[in-house]
Structure formats: structure tokens, C-alpha cells
Amino acid sequence: MSSQRWFAFLGVIGVHAALVWLGDRLPESLAPAVAGTVYLPLWPMQALGLPVFERAASGGWPGPSLLGWMLVATIWGVLWWLAIAIVSRLRARAA
């Protein structure tokens, strides 16, 4: 595994985590897309019966539980890892 891949992986994960952490402080046009990166992977897990959401406050959206956050981190980690591996392989073939 090259150090360039690790640098790219950590960079993408860092940017994604920062966007999720910023949450409501993001522009209104970007916030729903970032929230989707958290909620969309969890809805199928909830349908399977996994407790991925905490109890919602009255009238509010439930936040992810600890299991939910771990699954989000794992899912996005794998997806970003695969994306970087594919780009790295394509770049190696082109060179």
C-alpha cells in the first residue's frame, strides 16, 4: 500500500468527517446532501432491525446511535477505500 493512497484516504475521510461535524453550520444547499451521507446508509440497517438510531426528541429527527455511527464510519471507509483503490489502479495503468 503506497503512502499516496493512505494520504488520499485520510484526506477524503477527514474532509467527509469535517463536513458531517459542521452539520447545521453548512450552507442550506449543502447540508441536506451531507446529512444524506449519514442517514441514507442507516435506513436499510434500521429496516433490518438494527438499533442504528437513538430515540427522537418530540417532533425531531433521531440521531444515530453509537452502532449507527460505527456503521456509517465503516460503510464510508470501505466506499472511499474502494474509490481510491480504483483511481490508483487506473492511474497506474495509464502511466
PDB file of N, CA and C in Angstrom:
ATOM      1  N   MET A   1       0.843  -1.174   0.000  1.00  0.00           N
ATOM      2  CA  MET A   1       0.000   0.000   0.000  1.00  0.00           C
ATOM      3  C   MET A   1       0.888   1.237   0.000  1.00  0.00           C
ATOM      4  N   SER A   2       0.707   2.065  -0.975  1.00  0.00           N
ATOM      5  CA  SER A   2       1.559   3.244  -1.094  1.00  0.00           C
ATOM      6  C   SER A   2       1.130   4.330  -0.112  1.00  0.00           C
ATOM      7  N   SER A   3       2.096   5.170   0.221  1.00  0.00           N
ATOM      8  CA  SER A   3       1.787   6.266   1.143  1.00  0.00           C
ATOM      9  C   SER A   3       0.847   7.280   0.487  1.00  0.00           C
ATOM     10  N   GLN A   4       0.880   7.371  -0.852  1.00  0.00           N
ATOM     11  CA  GLN A   4      -0.035   8.279  -1.543  1.00  0.00           C
ATOM     12  C   GLN A   4      -1.484   7.843  -1.348  1.00  0.00           C
ATOM     13  N   ARG A   5      -1.715   6.535  -1.384  1.00  0.00           N
ATOM     14  CA  ARG A   5      -3.082   6.040  -1.158  1.00  0.00           C
ATOM     15  C   ARG A   5      -3.542   6.360   0.254  1.00  0.00           C
ATOM     16  N   TRP A   6      -2.659   6.144   1.222  1.00  0.00           N
ATOM     17  CA  TRP A   6      -3.014   6.438   2.611  1.00  0.00           C
ATOM     18  C   TRP A   6      -3.311   7.917   2.786  1.00  0.00           C
ATOM     19  N   PHE A   7      -2.481   8.762   2.185  1.00  0.00           N
ATOM     20  CA  PHE A   7      -2.684  10.208   2.282  1.00  0.00           C
ATOM     21  C   PHE A   7      -4.028  10.594   1.668  1.00  0.00           C
ATOM     22  N   ALA A   8      -4.330  10.049   0.499  1.00  0.00           N
ATOM     23  CA  ALA A   8      -5.609  10.340  -0.165  1.00  0.00           C
ATOM     24  C   ALA A   8      -6.778   9.838   0.679  1.00  0.00           C
ATOM     25  N   PHE A   9      -6.649   8.627   1.212  1.00  0.00           N
ATOM     26  CA  PHE A   9      -7.714   8.043   2.028  1.00  0.00           C
ATOM     27  C   PHE A   9      -7.973   8.892   3.270  1.00  0.00           C
ATOM     28  N   LEU A  10      -6.918   9.228   3.991  1.00  0.00           N
ATOM     29  CA  LEU A  10      -7.086  10.025   5.207  1.00  0.00           C
ATOM     30  C   LEU A  10      -7.607  11.422   4.885  1.00  0.00           C
ATOM     31  N   GLY A  11      -7.190  11.974   3.755  1.00  0.00           N
ATOM     32  CA  GLY A  11      -7.682  13.287   3.352  1.00  0.00           C
ATOM     33  C   GLY A  11      -9.173  13.275   3.063  1.00  0.00           C
ATOM     34  N   VAL A  12      -9.625  12.284   2.310  1.00  0.00           N
ATOM     35  CA  VAL A  12     -11.046  12.194   1.959  1.00  0.00           C
ATOM     36  C   VAL A  12     -11.885  11.920   3.202  1.00  0.00           C
ATOM     37  N   ILE A  13     -11.419  11.017   4.040  1.00  0.00           N
ATOM     38  CA  ILE A  13     -12.136  10.716   5.286  1.00  0.00           C
ATOM     39  C   ILE A  13     -12.186  11.960   6.175  1.00  0.00           C
ATOM     40  N   GLY A  14     -11.082  12.682   6.250  1.00  0.00           N
ATOM     41  CA  GLY A  14     -11.042  13.898   7.064  1.00  0.00           C
ATOM     42  C   GLY A  14     -12.015  14.960   6.577  1.00  0.00           C
ATOM     43  N   VAL A  15     -12.070  15.165   5.262  1.00  0.00           N
ATOM     44  CA  VAL A  15     -12.999  16.151   4.700  1.00  0.00           C
ATOM     45  C   VAL A  15     -14.441  15.724   4.958  1.00  0.00           C
ATOM     46  N   HIS A  16     -14.728  14.433   4.734  1.00  0.00           N
ATOM     47  CA  HIS A  16     -16.084  13.930   4.960  1.00  0.00           C
ATOM     48  C   HIS A  16     -16.470  14.097   6.434  1.00  0.00           C
ATOM     49  N   ALA A  17     -15.577  13.717   7.338  1.00  0.00           N
ATOM     50  CA  ALA A  17     -15.866  13.841   8.771  1.00  0.00           C
ATOM     51  C   ALA A  17     -16.067  15.304   9.164  1.00  0.00           C
ATOM     52  N   ALA A  18     -15.266  16.195   8.605  1.00  0.00           N
ATOM     53  CA  ALA A  18     -15.413  17.624   8.919  1.00  0.00           C
ATOM     54  C   ALA A  18     -16.760  18.155   8.442  1.00  0.00           C
ATOM     55  N   LEU A  19     -17.186  17.735   7.265  1.00  0.00           N
ATOM     56  CA  LEU A  19     -18.487  18.179   6.753  1.00  0.00           C
ATOM     57  C   LEU A  19     -19.625  17.679   7.638  1.00  0.00           C
ATOM     58  N   VAL A  20     -19.532  16.419   8.076  1.00  0.00           N
ATOM     59  CA  VAL A  20     -20.568  15.873   8.963  1.00  0.00           C
ATOM     60  C   VAL A  20     -20.545  16.621  10.293  1.00  0.00           C
ATOM     61  N   TRP A  21     -19.359  16.891  10.817  1.00  0.00           N
ATOM     62  CA  TRP A  21     -19.233  17.584  12.095  1.00  0.00           C
ATOM     63  C   TRP A  21     -19.805  18.998  12.013  1.00  0.00           C
ATOM     64  N   LEU A  22     -19.600  19.674  10.885  1.00  0.00           N
ATOM     65  CA  LEU A  22     -20.114  21.039  10.729  1.00  0.00           C
ATOM     66  C   LEU A  22     -21.639  21.076  10.725  1.00  0.00           C
ATOM     67  N   GLY A  23     -22.264  20.056  10.165  1.00  0.00           N
ATOM     68  CA  GLY A  23     -23.716  19.899  10.227  1.00  0.00           C
ATOM     69  C   GLY A  23     -24.520  21.135   9.894  1.00  0.00           C
ATOM     70  N   ASP A  24     -25.188  21.698  10.895  1.00  0.00           N
ATOM     71  CA  ASP A  24     -26.081  22.846  10.702  1.00  0.00           C
ATOM     72  C   ASP A  24     -25.351  24.128  10.306  1.00  0.00           C
ATOM     73  N   ARG A  25     -24.056  24.157  10.490  1.00  0.00           N
ATOM     74  CA  ARG A  25     -23.300  25.363  10.136  1.00  0.00           C
ATOM     75  C   ARG A  25     -22.962  25.418   8.646  1.00  0.00           C
ATOM     76  N   LEU A  26     -23.328  24.377   7.909  1.00  0.00           N
ATOM     77  CA  LEU A  26     -23.095  24.350   6.464  1.00  0.00           C
ATOM     78  C   LEU A  26     -24.141  25.194   5.740  1.00  0.00           C
ATOM     79  N   PRO A  27     -23.847  25.627   4.519  1.00  0.00           N
ATOM     80  CA  PRO A  27     -24.865  26.339   3.732  1.00  0.00           C
ATOM     81  C   PRO A  27     -26.096  25.458   3.521  1.00  0.00           C
ATOM     82  N   GLU A  28     -27.244  26.096   3.424  1.00  0.00           N
ATOM     83  CA  GLU A  28     -28.501  25.353   3.278  1.00  0.00           C
ATOM     84  C   GLU A  28     -28.516  24.461   2.053  1.00  0.00           C
ATOM     85  N   SER A  29     -27.767  24.810   1.033  1.00  0.00           N
ATOM     86  CA  SER A  29     -27.745  23.993  -0.181  1.00  0.00           C
ATOM     87  C   SER A  29     -26.903  22.730  -0.006  1.00  0.00           C
ATOM     88  N   LEU A  30     -25.963  22.720   0.925  1.00  0.00           N
ATOM     89  CA  LEU A  30     -25.060  21.583   1.105  1.00  0.00           C
ATOM     90  C   LEU A  30     -25.467  20.678   2.264  1.00  0.00           C
ATOM     91  N   ALA A  31     -26.094  21.233   3.283  1.00  0.00           N
ATOM     92  CA  ALA A  31     -26.427  20.479   4.493  1.00  0.00           C
ATOM     93  C   ALA A  31     -27.263  19.223   4.230  1.00  0.00           C
ATOM     94  N   PRO A  32     -28.303  19.260   3.387  1.00  0.00           N
ATOM     95  CA  PRO A  32     -29.081  18.036   3.158  1.00  0.00           C
ATOM     96  C   PRO A  32     -28.261  16.911   2.517  1.00  0.00           C
ATOM     97  N   ALA A  33     -27.356  17.252   1.624  1.00  0.00           N
ATOM     98  CA  ALA A  33     -26.523  16.224   0.991  1.00  0.00           C
ATOM     99  C   ALA A  33     -25.602  15.572   2.015  1.00  0.00           C
ATOM    100  N   VAL A  34     -25.034  16.371   2.894  1.00  0.00           N
ATOM    101  CA  VAL A  34     -24.147  15.828   3.925  1.00  0.00           C
ATOM    102  C   VAL A  34     -24.951  14.986   4.914  1.00  0.00           C
ATOM    103  N   ALA A  35     -26.138  15.449   5.296  1.00  0.00           N
ATOM    104  CA  ALA A  35     -26.993  14.653   6.185  1.00  0.00           C
ATOM    105  C   ALA A  35     -27.371  13.335   5.520  1.00  0.00           C
ATOM    106  N   GLY A  36     -27.560  13.361   4.216  1.00  0.00           N
ATOM    107  CA  GLY A  36     -27.865  12.134   3.483  1.00  0.00           C
ATOM    108  C   GLY A  36     -26.759  11.104   3.569  1.00  0.00           C
ATOM    109  N   THR A  37     -25.512  11.561   3.682  1.00  0.00           N
ATOM    110  CA  THR A  37     -24.409  10.600   3.792  1.00  0.00           C
ATOM    111  C   THR A  37     -24.438   9.868   5.125  1.00  0.00           C
ATOM    112  N   VAL A  38     -25.150  10.426   6.097  1.00  0.00           N
ATOM    113  CA  VAL A  38     -25.302   9.754   7.389  1.00  0.00           C
ATOM    114  C   VAL A  38     -26.572   8.908   7.394  1.00  0.00           C
ATOM    115  N   TYR A  39     -27.693   9.503   6.994  1.00  0.00           N
ATOM    116  CA  TYR A  39     -28.978   8.824   7.133  1.00  0.00           C
ATOM    117  C   TYR A  39     -29.235   7.758   6.072  1.00  0.00           C
ATOM    118  N   LEU A  40     -28.846   7.991   4.831  1.00  0.00           N
ATOM    119  CA  LEU A  40     -29.154   7.018   3.774  1.00  0.00           C
ATOM    120  C   LEU A  40     -28.548   5.636   4.022  1.00  0.00           C
ATOM    121  N   PRO A  41     -27.298   5.520   4.478  1.00  0.00           N
ATOM    122  CA  PRO A  41     -26.787   4.174   4.763  1.00  0.00           C
ATOM    123  C   PRO A  41     -27.466   3.512   5.963  1.00  0.00           C
ATOM    124  N   LEU A  42     -28.044   4.316   6.853  1.00  0.00           N
ATOM    125  CA  LEU A  42     -28.631   3.742   8.066  1.00  0.00           C
ATOM    126  C   LEU A  42     -30.063   3.253   7.881  1.00  0.00           C
ATOM    127  N   TRP A  43     -30.797   3.815   6.943  1.00  0.00           N
ATOM    128  CA  TRP A  43     -32.186   3.387   6.769  1.00  0.00           C
ATOM    129  C   TRP A  43     -32.318   1.903   6.431  1.00  0.00           C
ATOM    130  N   PRO A  44     -31.520   1.346   5.521  1.00  0.00           N
ATOM    131  CA  PRO A  44     -31.627  -0.105   5.295  1.00  0.00           C
ATOM    132  C   PRO A  44     -31.251  -0.916   6.534  1.00  0.00           C
ATOM    133  N   MET A  45     -30.289  -0.417   7.304  1.00  0.00           N
ATOM    134  CA  MET A  45     -29.897  -1.123   8.530  1.00  0.00           C
ATOM    135  C   MET A  45     -31.032  -1.113   9.549  1.00  0.00           C
ATOM    136  N   GLN A  46     -31.757   0.013   9.607  1.00  0.00           N
ATOM    137  CA  GLN A  46     -32.914   0.086  10.501  1.00  0.00           C
ATOM    138  C   GLN A  46     -33.995  -0.883  10.032  1.00  0.00           C
ATOM    139  N   ALA A  47     -34.171  -0.993   8.715  1.00  0.00           N
ATOM    140  CA  ALA A  47     -35.175  -1.912   8.170  1.00  0.00           C
ATOM    141  C   ALA A  47     -34.834  -3.362   8.509  1.00  0.00           C
ATOM    142  N   LEU A  48     -33.547  -3.647   8.696  1.00  0.00           N
ATOM    143  CA  LEU A  48     -33.127  -4.992   9.093  1.00  0.00           C
ATOM    144  C   LEU A  48     -33.289  -5.228  10.592  1.00  0.00           C
ATOM    145  N   GLY A  49     -33.699  -4.189  11.317  1.00  0.00           N
ATOM    146  CA  GLY A  49     -33.943  -4.330  12.747  1.00  0.00           C
ATOM    147  C   GLY A  49     -32.782  -3.918  13.633  1.00  0.00           C
ATOM    148  N   LEU A  50     -31.731  -3.356  13.058  1.00  0.00           N
ATOM    149  CA  LEU A  50     -30.600  -2.922  13.873  1.00  0.00           C
ATOM    150  C   LEU A  50     -30.930  -1.593  14.552  1.00  0.00           C
ATOM    151  N   PRO A  51     -30.535  -1.425  15.803  1.00  0.00           N
ATOM    152  CA  PRO A  51     -30.833  -0.176  16.523  1.00  0.00           C
ATOM    153  C   PRO A  51     -29.830   0.927  16.163  1.00  0.00           C
ATOM    154  N   VAL A  52     -29.957   1.478  14.975  1.00  0.00           N
ATOM    155  CA  VAL A  52     -28.981   2.451  14.484  1.00  0.00           C
ATOM    156  C   VAL A  52     -29.355   3.892  14.815  1.00  0.00           C
ATOM    157  N   PHE A  53     -30.565   4.118  15.323  1.00  0.00           N
ATOM    158  CA  PHE A  53     -30.991   5.468  15.687  1.00  0.00           C
ATOM    159  C   PHE A  53     -31.331   5.519  17.164  1.00  0.00           C
ATOM    160  N   GLU A  54     -31.040   6.677  17.784  1.00  0.00           N
ATOM    161  CA  GLU A  54     -31.461   6.911  19.163  1.00  0.00           C
ATOM    162  C   GLU A  54     -32.933   7.292  19.159  1.00  0.00           C
ATOM    163  N   ARG A  55     -33.505   7.373  20.324  1.00  0.00           N
ATOM    164  CA  ARG A  55     -34.895   7.842  20.407  1.00  0.00           C
ATOM    165  C   ARG A  55     -34.929   9.317  20.036  1.00  0.00           C
ATOM    166  N   ALA A  56     -35.903   9.663  19.207  1.00  0.00           N
ATOM    167  CA  ALA A  56     -36.011  11.050  18.739  1.00  0.00           C
ATOM    168  C   ALA A  56     -36.702  11.912  19.783  1.00  0.00           C
ATOM    169  N   ALA A  57     -36.224  13.121  19.888  1.00  0.00           N
ATOM    170  CA  ALA A  57     -36.945  14.097  20.710  1.00  0.00           C
ATOM    171  C   ALA A  57     -38.284  14.359  20.026  1.00  0.00           C
ATOM    172  N   SER A  58     -39.242  14.797  20.765  1.00  0.00           N
ATOM    173  CA  SER A  58     -40.574  15.015  20.210  1.00  0.00           C
ATOM    174  C   SER A  58     -40.520  15.909  18.976  1.00  0.00           C
ATOM    175  N   GLY A  59     -40.942  15.370  17.853  1.00  0.00           N
ATOM    176  CA  GLY A  59     -41.001  16.136  16.617  1.00  0.00           C
ATOM    177  C   GLY A  59     -39.677  16.302  15.902  1.00  0.00           C
ATOM    178  N   GLY A  60     -38.625  15.666  16.374  1.00  0.00           N
ATOM    179  CA  GLY A  60     -37.314  15.839  15.745  1.00  0.00           C
ATOM    180  C   GLY A  60     -36.833  14.575  15.058  1.00  0.00           C
ATOM    181  N   TRP A  61     -35.761  14.729  14.322  1.00  0.00           N
ATOM    182  CA  TRP A  61     -35.134  13.576  13.680  1.00  0.00           C
ATOM    183  C   TRP A  61     -34.257  12.873  14.702  1.00  0.00           C
ATOM    184  N   PRO A  62     -34.276  11.552  14.716  1.00  0.00           N
ATOM    185  CA  PRO A  62     -33.394  10.853  15.655  1.00  0.00           C
ATOM    186  C   PRO A  62     -31.951  10.914  15.167  1.00  0.00           C
ATOM    187  N   GLY A  63     -31.055  11.056  16.101  1.00  0.00           N
ATOM    188  CA  GLY A  63     -29.639  11.000  15.753  1.00  0.00           C
ATOM    189  C   GLY A  63     -29.179   9.553  15.709  1.00  0.00           C
ATOM    190  N   PRO A  64     -28.073   9.295  15.044  1.00  0.00           N
ATOM    191  CA  PRO A  64     -27.546   7.932  15.027  1.00  0.00           C
ATOM    192  C   PRO A  64     -27.098   7.497  16.423  1.00  0.00           C
ATOM    193  N   SER A  65     -27.280   6.228  16.711  1.00  0.00           N
ATOM    194  CA  SER A  65     -26.773   5.654  17.951  1.00  0.00           C
ATOM    195  C   SER A  65     -25.278   5.384  17.770  1.00  0.00           C
ATOM    196  N   LEU A  66     -24.643   4.872  18.808  1.00  0.00           N
ATOM    197  CA  LEU A  66     -23.222   4.524  18.699  1.00  0.00           C
ATOM    198  C   LEU A  66     -23.018   3.484  17.600  1.00  0.00           C
ATOM    199  N   LEU A  67     -23.896   2.482  17.555  1.00  0.00           N
ATOM    200  CA  LEU A  67     -23.823   1.485  16.485  1.00  0.00           C
ATOM    201  C   LEU A  67     -24.011   2.148  15.127  1.00  0.00           C
ATOM    202  N   GLY A  68     -24.936   3.084  15.038  1.00  0.00           N
ATOM    203  CA  GLY A  68     -25.169   3.797  13.788  1.00  0.00           C
ATOM    204  C   GLY A  68     -23.938   4.542  13.319  1.00  0.00           C
ATOM    205  N   TRP A  69     -23.287   5.265  14.230  1.00  0.00           N
ATOM    206  CA  TRP A  69     -22.071   5.997  13.853  1.00  0.00           C
ATOM    207  C   TRP A  69     -20.963   5.040  13.431  1.00  0.00           C
ATOM    208  N   MET A  70     -20.847   3.908  14.122  1.00  0.00           N
ATOM    209  CA  MET A  70     -19.817   2.930  13.743  1.00  0.00           C
ATOM    210  C   MET A  70     -20.097   2.370  12.353  1.00  0.00           C
ATOM    211  N   LEU A  71     -21.362   2.094  12.053  1.00  0.00           N
ATOM    212  CA  LEU A  71     -21.710   1.589  10.723  1.00  0.00           C
ATOM    213  C   LEU A  71     -21.484   2.639   9.642  1.00  0.00           C
ATOM    214  N   VAL A  72     -21.835   3.888   9.918  1.00  0.00           N
ATOM    215  CA  VAL A  72     -21.597   4.962   8.944  1.00  0.00           C
ATOM    216  C   VAL A  72     -20.102   5.078   8.659  1.00  0.00           C
ATOM    217  N   ALA A  73     -19.283   5.079   9.715  1.00  0.00           N
ATOM    218  CA  ALA A  73     -17.833   5.185   9.533  1.00  0.00           C
ATOM    219  C   ALA A  73     -17.287   3.996   8.747  1.00  0.00           C
ATOM    220  N   THR A  74     -17.780   2.804   9.035  1.00  0.00           N
ATOM    221  CA  THR A  74     -17.313   1.611   8.329  1.00  0.00           C
ATOM    222  C   THR A  74     -17.744   1.627   6.872  1.00  0.00           C
ATOM    223  N   ILE A  75     -19.002   1.931   6.624  1.00  0.00           N
ATOM    224  CA  ILE A  75     -19.518   1.944   5.249  1.00  0.00           C
ATOM    225  C   ILE A  75     -18.772   2.961   4.406  1.00  0.00           C
ATOM    226  N   TRP A  76     -18.649   4.190   4.912  1.00  0.00           N
ATOM    227  CA  TRP A  76     -17.958   5.219   4.128  1.00  0.00           C
ATOM    228  C   TRP A  76     -16.466   4.946   4.032  1.00  0.00           C
ATOM    229  N   GLY A  77     -15.880   4.364   5.066  1.00  0.00           N
ATOM    230  CA  GLY A  77     -14.467   3.990   4.985  1.00  0.00           C
ATOM    231  C   GLY A  77     -14.219   2.995   3.867  1.00  0.00           C
ATOM    232  N   VAL A  78     -15.069   1.979   3.778  1.00  0.00           N
ATOM    233  CA  VAL A  78     -14.935   0.976   2.712  1.00  0.00           C
ATOM    234  C   VAL A  78     -15.182   1.602   1.342  1.00  0.00           C
ATOM    235  N   LEU A  79     -16.218   2.422   1.225  1.00  0.00           N
ATOM    236  CA  LEU A  79     -16.513   3.047  -0.074  1.00  0.00           C
ATOM    237  C   LEU A  79     -15.386   3.969  -0.530  1.00  0.00           C
ATOM    238  N   TRP A  80     -14.862   4.796   0.376  1.00  0.00           N
ATOM    239  CA  TRP A  80     -13.759   5.685  -0.001  1.00  0.00           C
ATOM    240  C   TRP A  80     -12.500   4.881  -0.309  1.00  0.00           C
ATOM    241  N   TRP A  81     -12.249   3.814   0.444  1.00  0.00           N
ATOM    242  CA  TRP A  81     -11.089   2.959   0.188  1.00  0.00           C
ATOM    243  C   TRP A  81     -11.185   2.354  -1.215  1.00  0.00           C
ATOM    244  N   LEU A  82     -12.353   1.840  -1.564  1.00  0.00           N
ATOM    245  CA  LEU A  82     -12.537   1.259  -2.902  1.00  0.00           C
ATOM    246  C   LEU A  82     -12.378   2.309  -3.997  1.00  0.00           C
ATOM    247  N   ALA A  83     -12.941   3.486  -3.790  1.00  0.00           N
ATOM    248  CA  ALA A  83     -12.821   4.549  -4.795  1.00  0.00           C
ATOM    249  C   ALA A  83     -11.359   4.926  -5.013  1.00  0.00           C
ATOM    250  N   ILE A  84     -10.599   5.058  -3.950  1.00  0.00           N
ATOM    251  CA  ILE A  84      -9.187   5.427  -4.070  1.00  0.00           C
ATOM    252  C   ILE A  84      -8.393   4.292  -4.694  1.00  0.00           C
ATOM    253  N   ALA A  85      -8.713   3.046  -4.356  1.00  0.00           N
ATOM    254  CA  ALA A  85      -8.019   1.908  -4.963  1.00  0.00           C
ATOM    255  C   ALA A  85      -8.274   1.850  -6.467  1.00  0.00           C
ATOM    256  N   ILE A  86      -9.503   2.107  -6.883  1.00  0.00           N
ATOM    257  CA  ILE A  86      -9.833   2.087  -8.316  1.00  0.00           C
ATOM    258  C   ILE A  86      -9.102   3.204  -9.050  1.00  0.00           C
ATOM    259  N   VAL A  87      -9.140   4.407  -8.503  1.00  0.00           N
ATOM    260  CA  VAL A  87      -8.446   5.534  -9.148  1.00  0.00           C
ATOM    261  C   VAL A  87      -6.945   5.274  -9.196  1.00  0.00           C
ATOM    262  N   SER A  88      -6.403   4.737  -8.133  1.00  0.00           N
ATOM    263  CA  SER A  88      -4.970   4.442  -8.091  1.00  0.00           C
ATOM    264  C   SER A  88      -4.593   3.401  -9.140  1.00  0.00           C
ATOM    265  N   ARG A  89      -5.409   2.381  -9.280  1.00  0.00           N
ATOM    266  CA  ARG A  89      -5.138   1.336 -10.276  1.00  0.00           C
ATOM    267  C   ARG A  89      -5.244   1.895 -11.694  1.00  0.00           C
ATOM    268  N   LEU A  90      -6.248   2.724 -11.949  1.00  0.00           N
ATOM    269  CA  LEU A  90      -6.397   3.332 -13.276  1.00  0.00           C
ATOM    270  C   LEU A  90      -5.222   4.249 -13.600  1.00  0.00           C
ATOM    271  N   ARG A  91      -4.752   4.985 -12.608  1.00  0.00           N
ATOM    272  CA  ARG A  91      -3.595   5.865 -12.825  1.00  0.00           C
ATOM    273  C   ARG A  91      -2.336   5.053 -13.091  1.00  0.00           C
ATOM    274  N   ALA A  92      -2.193   3.906 -12.423  1.00  0.00           N
ATOM    275  CA  ALA A  92      -1.011   3.063 -12.628  1.00  0.00           C
ATOM    276  C   ALA A  92      -1.013   2.466 -14.034  1.00  0.00           C
ATOM    277  N   ARG A  93      -2.178   2.096 -14.534  1.00  0.00           N
ATOM    278  CA  ARG A  93      -2.266   1.551 -15.897  1.00  0.00           C
ATOM    279  C   ARG A  93      -1.950   2.612 -16.940  1.00  0.00           C
ATOM    280  N   ALA A  94      -2.380   3.843 -16.679  1.00  0.00           N
ATOM    281  CA  ALA A  94      -2.160   4.925 -17.641  1.00  0.00           C
ATOM    282  C   ALA A  94      -0.686   5.338 -17.701  1.00  0.00           C
ATOM    283  N   ALA A  95       0.034   5.108 -16.630  1.00  0.00           N
ATOM    284  CA  ALA A  95       1.448   5.531 -16.586  1.00  0.00           C
ATOM    285  C   ALA A  95       2.377   4.566 -17.275  1.00  0.00           C
TER     286      ALA A  95
END
